[in-house]
Amino acid sequence: MKMISNTEVIRTAMSSGKQSPRGQFSAKRKAWLAAFTVSALFWVAVIFLVLKYW
């Protein structure tokens, strides 16, 4: 019978099992990039509307 350490238990419990930490970083980076892009496009549209009706 193999004994497992506390760090192995914690690492197993906290990981999703599907993605490595590098994959999670990549997903978070893509999510932030998408949020920033949508925000930038929104403000560009607001600026164009303000200039159009000014």
PDB file of N, CA and C in Angstrom:
ATOM      1  N   MET A   1       0.849  -1.178   0.000  1.00  0.00           N
ATOM      2  CA  MET A   1       0.000   0.000   0.000  1.00  0.00           C
ATOM      3  C   MET A   1       0.891   1.237   0.000  1.00  0.00           C
ATOM      4  N   LYS A   2       0.622   2.147  -0.915  1.00  0.00           N
ATOM      5  CA  LYS A   2       1.446   3.347  -1.056  1.00  0.00           C
ATOM      6  C   LYS A   2       0.839   4.495  -0.255  1.00  0.00           C
ATOM      7  N   MET A   3       1.680   5.151   0.516  1.00  0.00           N
ATOM      8  CA  MET A   3       1.243   6.320   1.274  1.00  0.00           C
ATOM      9  C   MET A   3       1.401   7.558   0.392  1.00  0.00           C
ATOM     10  N   ILE A   4       0.405   8.445   0.426  1.00  0.00           N
ATOM     11  CA  ILE A   4       0.514   9.685  -0.336  1.00  0.00           C
ATOM     12  C   ILE A   4       0.665  10.846   0.636  1.00  0.00           C
ATOM     13  N   SER A   5       1.403  11.837   0.204  1.00  0.00           N
ATOM     14  CA  SER A   5       1.668  12.973   1.087  1.00  0.00           C
ATOM     15  C   SER A   5       0.501  13.961   1.044  1.00  0.00           C
ATOM     16  N   ASN A   6       0.502  14.876   2.000  1.00  0.00           N
ATOM     17  CA  ASN A   6      -0.543  15.891   2.059  1.00  0.00           C
ATOM     18  C   ASN A   6      -0.529  16.783   0.824  1.00  0.00           C
ATOM     19  N   THR A   7       0.662  17.092   0.308  1.00  0.00           N
ATOM     20  CA  THR A   7       0.734  17.959  -0.870  1.00  0.00           C
ATOM     21  C   THR A   7       0.119  17.285  -2.087  1.00  0.00           C
ATOM     22  N   GLU A   8       0.284  15.978  -2.198  1.00  0.00           N
ATOM     23  CA  GLU A   8      -0.327  15.262  -3.318  1.00  0.00           C
ATOM     24  C   GLU A   8      -1.846  15.268  -3.201  1.00  0.00           C
ATOM     25  N   VAL A   9      -2.350  15.140  -1.992  1.00  0.00           N
ATOM     26  CA  VAL A   9      -3.800  15.162  -1.763  1.00  0.00           C
ATOM     27  C   VAL A   9      -4.359  16.529  -2.125  1.00  0.00           C
ATOM     28  N   ILE A  10      -3.700  17.573  -1.666  1.00  0.00           N
ATOM     29  CA  ILE A  10      -4.166  18.932  -1.945  1.00  0.00           C
ATOM     30  C   ILE A  10      -4.096  19.226  -3.436  1.00  0.00           C
ATOM     31  N   ARG A  11      -2.997  18.863  -4.077  1.00  0.00           N
ATOM     32  CA  ARG A  11      -2.832  19.100  -5.506  1.00  0.00           C
ATOM     33  C   ARG A  11      -3.918  18.375  -6.302  1.00  0.00           C
ATOM     34  N   THR A  12      -4.229  17.143  -5.912  1.00  0.00           N
ATOM     35  CA  THR A  12      -5.255  16.366  -6.599  1.00  0.00           C
ATOM     36  C   THR A  12      -6.633  16.967  -6.360  1.00  0.00           C
ATOM     37  N   ALA A  13      -6.905  17.407  -5.144  1.00  0.00           N
ATOM     38  CA  ALA A  13      -8.219  17.962  -4.811  1.00  0.00           C
ATOM     39  C   ALA A  13      -8.461  19.294  -5.509  1.00  0.00           C
ATOM     40  N   MET A  14      -7.426  20.099  -5.667  1.00  0.00           N
ATOM     41  CA  MET A  14      -7.596  21.432  -6.232  1.00  0.00           C
ATOM     42  C   MET A  14      -7.533  21.455  -7.750  1.00  0.00           C
ATOM     43  N   SER A  15      -6.972  20.431  -8.363  1.00  0.00           N
ATOM     44  CA  SER A  15      -6.879  20.442  -9.816  1.00  0.00           C
ATOM     45  C   SER A  15      -8.170  19.922 -10.420  1.00  0.00           C
ATOM     46  N   SER A  16      -8.522  20.448 -11.586  1.00  0.00           N
ATOM     47  CA  SER A  16      -9.745  20.005 -12.260  1.00  0.00           C
ATOM     48  C   SER A  16      -9.543  18.664 -12.923  1.00  0.00           C
ATOM     49  N   GLY A  17      -8.296  18.308 -13.174  1.00  0.00           N
ATOM     50  CA  GLY A  17      -8.012  17.037 -13.813  1.00  0.00           C
ATOM     51  C   GLY A  17      -8.019  17.124 -15.323  1.00  0.00           C
ATOM     52  N   LYS A  18      -8.606  18.157 -15.857  1.00  0.00           N
ATOM     53  CA  LYS A  18      -8.715  18.305 -17.309  1.00  0.00           C
ATOM     54  C   LYS A  18      -7.616  19.181 -17.888  1.00  0.00           C
ATOM     55  N   GLN A  19      -7.214  20.199 -17.150  1.00  0.00           N
ATOM     56  CA  GLN A  19      -6.235  21.149 -17.659  1.00  0.00           C
ATOM     57  C   GLN A  19      -5.036  21.214 -16.728  1.00  0.00           C
ATOM     58  N   SER A  20      -3.883  21.413 -17.333  1.00  0.00           N
ATOM     59  CA  SER A  20      -2.693  21.638 -16.530  1.00  0.00           C
ATOM     60  C   SER A  20      -2.706  23.095 -16.064  1.00  0.00           C
ATOM     61  N   PRO A  21      -1.889  23.453 -15.087  1.00  0.00           N
ATOM     62  CA  PRO A  21      -1.829  24.860 -14.662  1.00  0.00           C
ATOM     63  C   PRO A  21      -1.511  25.797 -15.831  1.00  0.00           C
ATOM     64  N   ARG A  22      -0.694  25.335 -16.774  1.00  0.00           N
ATOM     65  CA  ARG A  22      -0.386  26.168 -17.931  1.00  0.00           C
ATOM     66  C   ARG A  22      -1.631  26.374 -18.792  1.00  0.00           C
ATOM     67  N   GLY A  23      -2.444  25.351 -18.929  1.00  0.00           N
ATOM     68  CA  GLY A  23      -3.685  25.453 -19.691  1.00  0.00           C
ATOM     69  C   GLY A  23      -4.676  26.386 -19.021  1.00  0.00           C
ATOM     70  N   GLN A  24      -4.733  26.347 -17.683  1.00  0.00           N
ATOM     71  CA  GLN A  24      -5.617  27.254 -16.969  1.00  0.00           C
ATOM     72  C   GLN A  24      -5.159  28.693 -17.155  1.00  0.00           C
ATOM     73  N   PHE A  25      -3.853  28.920 -17.140  1.00  0.00           N
ATOM     74  CA  PHE A  25      -3.322  30.269 -17.362  1.00  0.00           C
ATOM     75  C   PHE A  25      -3.696  30.752 -18.749  1.00  0.00           C
ATOM     76  N   SER A  26      -3.590  29.874 -19.727  1.00  0.00           N
ATOM     77  CA  SER A  26      -3.920  30.231 -21.093  1.00  0.00           C
ATOM     78  C   SER A  26      -5.398  30.579 -21.215  1.00  0.00           C
ATOM     79  N   ALA A  27      -6.258  29.813 -20.569  1.00  0.00           N
ATOM     80  CA  ALA A  27      -7.696  30.076 -20.627  1.00  0.00           C
ATOM     81  C   ALA A  27      -8.030  31.406 -19.957  1.00  0.00           C
ATOM     82  N   LYS A  28      -7.398  31.683 -18.830  1.00  0.00           N
ATOM     83  CA  LYS A  28      -7.639  32.953 -18.141  1.00  0.00           C
ATOM     84  C   LYS A  28      -7.146  34.116 -18.986  1.00  0.00           C
ATOM     85  N   ARG A  29      -6.004  33.929 -19.622  1.00  0.00           N
ATOM     86  CA  ARG A  29      -5.455  34.990 -20.467  1.00  0.00           C
ATOM     87  C   ARG A  29      -6.395  35.273 -21.641  1.00  0.00           C
ATOM     88  N   LYS A  30      -6.920  34.227 -22.252  1.00  0.00           N
ATOM     89  CA  LYS A  30      -7.861  34.402 -23.363  1.00  0.00           C
ATOM     90  C   LYS A  30      -9.144  35.069 -22.896  1.00  0.00           C
ATOM     91  N   ALA A  31      -9.614  34.719 -21.711  1.00  0.00           N
ATOM     92  CA  ALA A  31     -10.830  35.334 -21.179  1.00  0.00           C
ATOM     93  C   ALA A  31     -10.630  36.822 -20.925  1.00  0.00           C
ATOM     94  N   TRP A  32      -9.498  37.192 -20.328  1.00  0.00           N
ATOM     95  CA  TRP A  32      -9.217  38.608 -20.091  1.00  0.00           C
ATOM     96  C   TRP A  32      -9.053  39.365 -21.402  1.00  0.00           C
ATOM     97  N   LEU A  33      -8.395  38.743 -22.368  1.00  0.00           N
ATOM     98  CA  LEU A  33      -8.220  39.385 -23.668  1.00  0.00           C
ATOM     99  C   LEU A  33      -9.565  39.615 -24.342  1.00  0.00           C
ATOM    100  N   ALA A  34     -10.453  38.644 -24.272  1.00  0.00           N
ATOM    101  CA  ALA A  34     -11.791  38.789 -24.861  1.00  0.00           C
ATOM    102  C   ALA A  34     -12.567  39.897 -24.156  1.00  0.00           C
ATOM    103  N   ALA A  35     -12.502  39.946 -22.833  1.00  0.00           N
ATOM    104  CA  ALA A  35     -13.203  40.984 -22.078  1.00  0.00           C
ATOM    105  C   ALA A  35     -12.659  42.366 -22.428  1.00  0.00           C
ATOM    106  N   PHE A  36     -11.358  42.495 -22.533  1.00  0.00           N
ATOM    107  CA  PHE A  36     -10.749  43.775 -22.888  1.00  0.00           C
ATOM    108  C   PHE A  36     -11.150  44.197 -24.298  1.00  0.00           C
ATOM    109  N   THR A  37     -11.156  43.256 -25.237  1.00  0.00           N
ATOM    110  CA  THR A  37     -11.514  43.562 -26.621  1.00  0.00           C
ATOM    111  C   THR A  37     -12.968  44.019 -26.727  1.00  0.00           C
ATOM    112  N   VAL A  38     -13.867  43.324 -26.053  1.00  0.00           N
ATOM    113  CA  VAL A  38     -15.280  43.712 -26.078  1.00  0.00           C
ATOM    114  C   VAL A  38     -15.462  45.089 -25.452  1.00  0.00           C
ATOM    115  N   SER A  39     -14.766  45.338 -24.359  1.00  0.00           N
ATOM    116  CA  SER A  39     -14.844  46.646 -23.707  1.00  0.00           C
ATOM    117  C   SER A  39     -14.327  47.750 -24.628  1.00  0.00           C
ATOM    118  N   ALA A  40     -13.210  47.501 -25.292  1.00  0.00           N
ATOM    119  CA  ALA A  40     -12.646  48.494 -26.208  1.00  0.00           C
ATOM    120  C   ALA A  40     -13.604  48.771 -27.374  1.00  0.00           C
ATOM    121  N   LEU A  41     -14.193  47.733 -27.935  1.00  0.00           N
ATOM    122  CA  LEU A  41     -15.142  47.921 -29.037  1.00  0.00           C
ATOM    123  C   LEU A  41     -16.368  48.703 -28.586  1.00  0.00           C
ATOM    124  N   PHE A  42     -16.839  48.443 -27.387  1.00  0.00           N
ATOM    125  CA  PHE A  42     -17.971  49.191 -26.847  1.00  0.00           C
ATOM    126  C   PHE A  42     -17.641  50.679 -26.761  1.00  0.00           C
ATOM    127  N   TRP A  43     -16.473  51.004 -26.206  1.00  0.00           N
ATOM    128  CA  TRP A  43     -16.130  52.418 -26.047  1.00  0.00           C
ATOM    129  C   TRP A  43     -15.864  53.100 -27.381  1.00  0.00           C
ATOM    130  N   VAL A  44     -15.333  52.380 -28.345  1.00  0.00           N
ATOM    131  CA  VAL A  44     -15.164  52.949 -29.687  1.00  0.00           C
ATOM    132  C   VAL A  44     -16.527  53.275 -30.279  1.00  0.00           C
ATOM    133  N   ALA A  45     -17.493  52.378 -30.106  1.00  0.00           N
ATOM    134  CA  ALA A  45     -18.854  52.629 -30.608  1.00  0.00           C
ATOM    135  C   ALA A  45     -19.470  53.838 -29.912  1.00  0.00           C
ATOM    136  N   VAL A  46     -19.263  53.965 -28.613  1.00  0.00           N
ATOM    137  CA  VAL A  46     -19.790  55.120 -27.874  1.00  0.00           C
ATOM    138  C   VAL A  46     -19.170  56.408 -28.400  1.00  0.00           C
ATOM    139  N   ILE A  47     -17.869  56.404 -28.643  1.00  0.00           N
ATOM    140  CA  ILE A  47     -17.195  57.597 -29.156  1.00  0.00           C
ATOM    141  C   ILE A  47     -17.750  57.983 -30.529  1.00  0.00           C
ATOM    142  N   PHE A  48     -17.937  56.989 -31.405  1.00  0.00           N
ATOM    143  CA  PHE A  48     -18.481  57.293 -32.728  1.00  0.00           C
ATOM    144  C   PHE A  48     -19.910  57.839 -32.646  1.00  0.00           C
ATOM    145  N   LEU A  49     -20.718  57.311 -31.748  1.00  0.00           N
ATOM    146  CA  LEU A  49     -22.073  57.826 -31.584  1.00  0.00           C
ATOM    147  C   LEU A  49     -22.063  59.256 -31.059  1.00  0.00           C
ATOM    148  N   VAL A  50     -21.181  59.536 -30.113  1.00  0.00           N
ATOM    149  CA  VAL A  50     -21.083  60.899 -29.572  1.00  0.00           C
ATOM    150  C   VAL A  50     -20.640  61.861 -30.684  1.00  0.00           C
ATOM    151  N   LEU A  51     -19.654  61.464 -31.466  1.00  0.00           N
ATOM    152  CA  LEU A  51     -19.183  62.339 -32.549  1.00  0.00           C
ATOM    153  C   LEU A  51     -20.247  62.523 -33.621  1.00  0.00           C
ATOM    154  N   LYS A  52     -21.034  61.495 -33.880  1.00  0.00           N
ATOM    155  CA  LYS A  52     -22.073  61.581 -34.915  1.00  0.00           C
ATOM    156  C   LYS A  52     -23.156  62.585 -34.524  1.00  0.00           C
ATOM    157  N   TYR A  53     -23.579  62.579 -33.267  1.00  0.00           N
ATOM    158  CA  TYR A  53     -24.681  63.437 -32.836  1.00  0.00           C
ATOM    159  C   TYR A  53     -24.223  64.752 -32.234  1.00  0.00           C
ATOM    160  N   TRP A  54     -22.930  65.002 -32.218  1.00  0.00           N
ATOM    161  CA  TRP A  54     -22.420  66.244 -31.654  1.00  0.00           C
ATOM    162  C   TRP A  54     -22.534  67.312 -32.666  1.00  0.00           C
TER     163      TRP A  54
END
